[in-house]
C-alpha atoms as a PDB file:
ATOM      1  CA  MET A   1     -69.542  32.105 -34.428  1.00  0.00           C
ATOM      2  CA  VAL A   2     -67.327  34.860 -33.054  1.00  0.00           C
ATOM      3  CA  LEU A   3     -63.543  34.667 -32.902  1.00  0.00           C
ATOM      4  CA  VAL A   4     -61.841  35.999 -29.783  1.00  0.00           C
ATOM      5  CA  ARG A   5     -58.269  35.715 -28.560  1.00  0.00           C
ATOM      6  CA  ARG A   6     -57.153  34.651 -25.115  1.00  0.00           C
ATOM      7  CA  ASP A   7     -53.674  35.366 -23.841  1.00  0.00           C
ATOM      8  CA  GLU A   8     -52.013  35.956 -20.485  1.00  0.00           C
ATOM      9  CA  ARG A   9     -53.886  39.271 -20.212  1.00  0.00           C
ATOM     10  CA  GLY A  10     -57.333  37.752 -20.818  1.00  0.00           C
ATOM     11  CA  TYR A  11     -59.853  37.888 -23.648  1.00  0.00           C
ATOM     12  CA  ARG A  12     -59.431  40.240 -26.597  1.00  0.00           C
ATOM     13  CA  ALA A  13     -61.317  41.038 -29.768  1.00  0.00           C
ATOM     14  CA  LEU A  14     -59.460  40.299 -33.010  1.00  0.00           C
ATOM     15  CA  SER A  15     -58.634  43.991 -33.164  1.00  0.00           C
ATOM     16  CA  GLY A  16     -56.672  43.595 -29.931  1.00  0.00           C
ATOM     17  CA  LYS A  17     -59.094  45.545 -27.742  1.00  0.00           C
ATOM     18  CA  ALA A  18     -59.465  44.068 -24.271  1.00  0.00           C
ATOM     19  CA  LEU A  19     -62.682  42.470 -23.070  1.00  0.00           C
ATOM     20  CA  GLY A  20     -63.705  41.976 -19.463  1.00  0.00           C
ATOM     21  CA  PRO A  21     -62.307  39.073 -17.417  1.00  0.00           C
ATOM     22  CA  ASN A  22     -65.176  36.806 -18.512  1.00  0.00           C
ATOM     23  CA  GLY A  23     -65.388  38.228 -22.029  1.00  0.00           C
ATOM     24  CA  GLU A  24     -67.724  41.112 -21.202  1.00  0.00           C
ATOM     25  CA  ALA A  25     -68.045  43.477 -24.138  1.00  0.00           C
ATOM     26  CA  SER A  26     -68.642  47.116 -23.302  1.00  0.00           C
ATOM     27  CA  ARG A  27     -70.191  49.466 -25.850  1.00  0.00           C
ATOM     28  CA  ASP A  28     -66.676  50.634 -26.747  1.00  0.00           C
ATOM     29  CA  VAL A  29     -65.584  47.183 -27.930  1.00  0.00           C
ATOM     30  CA  LEU A  30     -68.862  45.670 -29.144  1.00  0.00           C
ATOM     31  CA  ASP A  31     -68.230  46.530 -32.803  1.00  0.00           C
ATOM     32  CA  ASP A  32     -64.759  45.000 -32.536  1.00  0.00           C
ATOM     33  CA  VAL A  33     -66.169  41.786 -31.059  1.00  0.00           C
ATOM     34  CA  LEU A  34     -68.887  41.553 -33.707  1.00  0.00           C
ATOM     35  CA  GLY A  35     -66.206  42.175 -36.351  1.00  0.00           C
ATOM     36  CA  GLY A  36     -64.859  38.741 -35.439  1.00  0.00           C
ATOM     37  CA  THR A  37     -68.021  37.002 -36.652  1.00  0.00           C
ATOM     38  CA  VAL A  38     -67.271  34.241 -39.167  1.00  0.00           C
ATOM     39  CA  ARG A  39     -69.142  31.393 -40.810  1.00  0.00           C
ATOM     40  CA  LEU A  40     -67.858  27.888 -40.374  1.00  0.00           C
ATOM     41  CA  PRO A  41     -67.753  25.340 -43.155  1.00  0.00           C
ATOM     42  CA  ALA A  42     -70.747  22.993 -43.001  1.00  0.00           C
ATOM     43  CA  LYS A  43     -68.525  20.053 -42.051  1.00  0.00           C
ATOM     44  CA  LEU A  44     -67.807  21.773 -38.717  1.00  0.00           C
ATOM     45  CA  THR A  45     -71.401  22.589 -37.762  1.00  0.00           C
ATOM     46  CA  GLU A  46     -71.882  19.583 -35.509  1.00  0.00           C
ATOM     47  CA  ALA A  47     -68.547  20.082 -33.741  1.00  0.00           C
ATOM     48  CA  ALA A  48     -69.386  23.763 -33.179  1.00  0.00           C
ATOM     49  CA  GLU A  49     -72.818  22.963 -31.782  1.00  0.00           C
ATOM     50  CA  ASP A  50     -71.286  20.372 -29.436  1.00  0.00           C
ATOM     51  CA  GLY A  51     -68.178  22.269 -28.380  1.00  0.00           C
ATOM     52  CA  LEU A  52     -68.725  26.018 -28.549  1.00  0.00           C
ATOM     53  CA  VAL A  53     -70.758  28.205 -26.189  1.00  0.00           C
ATOM     54  CA  PRO A  54     -71.022  31.935 -25.493  1.00  0.00           C
ATOM     55  CA  LEU A  55     -68.393  33.361 -23.167  1.00  0.00           C
ATOM     56  CA  ASP A  56     -69.651  33.733 -19.593  1.00  0.00           C
ATOM     57  CA  GLY A  57     -69.602  37.523 -19.946  1.00  0.00           C
ATOM     58  CA  TRP A  58     -71.931  37.319 -22.971  1.00  0.00           C
ATOM     59  CA  ARG A  59     -74.763  35.431 -21.294  1.00  0.00           C
ATOM     60  CA  ASP A  60     -76.772  38.570 -20.411  1.00  0.00           C
ATOM     61  CA  HIS A  61     -75.797  40.619 -23.470  1.00  0.00           C
ATOM     62  CA  PRO A  62     -78.715  41.064 -25.918  1.00  0.00           C
ATOM     63  CA  TRP A  63     -76.522  40.746 -29.041  1.00  0.00           C
ATOM     64  CA  LEU A  64     -73.982  38.178 -27.867  1.00  0.00           C
ATOM     65  CA  ARG A  65     -75.875  35.782 -25.622  1.00  0.00           C
ATOM     66  CA  TYR A  66     -76.565  33.345 -28.464  1.00  0.00           C
ATOM     67  CA  SER A  67     -73.180  33.752 -30.161  1.00  0.00           C
ATOM     68  CA  ARG A  68     -70.765  30.864 -29.848  1.00  0.00           C
ATOM     69  CA  ALA A  69     -67.158  31.852 -29.177  1.00  0.00           C
ATOM     70  CA  LEU A  70     -64.169  30.188 -30.774  1.00  0.00           C
ATOM     71  CA  THR A  71     -61.259  31.129 -28.549  1.00  0.00           C
ATOM     72  CA  LEU A  72     -57.928  31.414 -30.337  1.00  0.00           C
ATOM     73  CA  ASP A  73     -54.640  31.049 -28.520  1.00  0.00           C
ATOM     74  CA  GLU A  74     -51.682  33.418 -28.784  1.00  0.00           C
ATOM     75  CA  SER A  75     -50.707  31.893 -32.141  1.00  0.00           C
ATOM     76  CA  ASP A  76     -54.267  32.448 -33.453  1.00  0.00           C
ATOM     77  CA  THR A  77     -55.127  28.757 -33.518  1.00  0.00           C
ATOM     78  CA  ALA A  78     -57.851  26.648 -31.922  1.00  0.00           C
ATOM     79  CA  ARG A  79     -59.004  23.043 -32.040  1.00  0.00           C
ATOM     80  CA  LEU A  80     -62.567  22.142 -32.914  1.00  0.00           C
ATOM     81  CA  GLY A  81     -63.279  18.428 -32.937  1.00  0.00           C
ATOM     82  CA  ASP A  82     -60.621  16.793 -35.108  1.00  0.00           C
ATOM     83  CA  TYR A  83     -59.789  20.039 -36.886  1.00  0.00           C
ATOM     84  CA  VAL A  84     -57.235  22.739 -36.215  1.00  0.00           C
ATOM     85  CA  LEU A  85     -58.446  26.215 -37.122  1.00  0.00           C
ATOM     86  CA  ARG A  86     -56.253  29.238 -37.496  1.00  0.00           C
ATOM     87  CA  TYR A  87     -56.959  32.855 -38.181  1.00  0.00           C
ATOM     88  CA  ASP A  88     -54.982  34.520 -40.946  1.00  0.00           C
ATOM     89  CA  ARG A  89     -55.329  38.288 -41.409  1.00  0.00           C
ATOM     90  CA  LEU A  90     -55.415  37.958 -45.192  1.00  0.00           C
ATOM     91  CA  LEU A  91     -57.276  34.667 -45.630  1.00  0.00           C
ATOM     92  CA  GLY A  92     -59.594  34.748 -42.626  1.00  0.00           C
ATOM     93  CA  LEU A  93     -60.409  31.479 -40.890  1.00  0.00           C
ATOM     94  CA  VAL A  94     -58.370  28.587 -42.275  1.00  0.00           C
ATOM     95  CA  VAL A  95     -59.327  24.979 -41.494  1.00  0.00           C
ATOM     96  CA  ASP A  96     -56.502  22.455 -41.280  1.00  0.00           C
ATOM     97  CA  GLY A  97     -57.183  18.807 -40.755  1.00  0.00           C
ATOM     98  CA  PRO A  98     -58.698  16.665 -39.721  1.00  0.00           C
ATOM     99  CA  ARG A  99     -55.889  15.797 -37.325  1.00  0.00           C
ATOM    100  CA  ARG A 100     -55.858  12.417 -35.673  1.00  0.00           C
END
């Protein structure tokens, strides 16, 4: 799974570099996008398979077309199933929950 941010300006890699309007990753930002690759805990596998897909701009990209995107909001959080996930620069991906 690959973490990306979405804000009022569009999609961004975790490094802050801008992606295309549909998440397209040029050669200049590909390493930054791939740097956002994380492993999910096993308990979230089913929710990820059901709820996460590649960004539209990744569908024809040879390295990203099978990568599922977890889109973080401006506060670096996202919901996946009953869980709230947040990205922390020191800790990485932190799973809070489940929330009901």
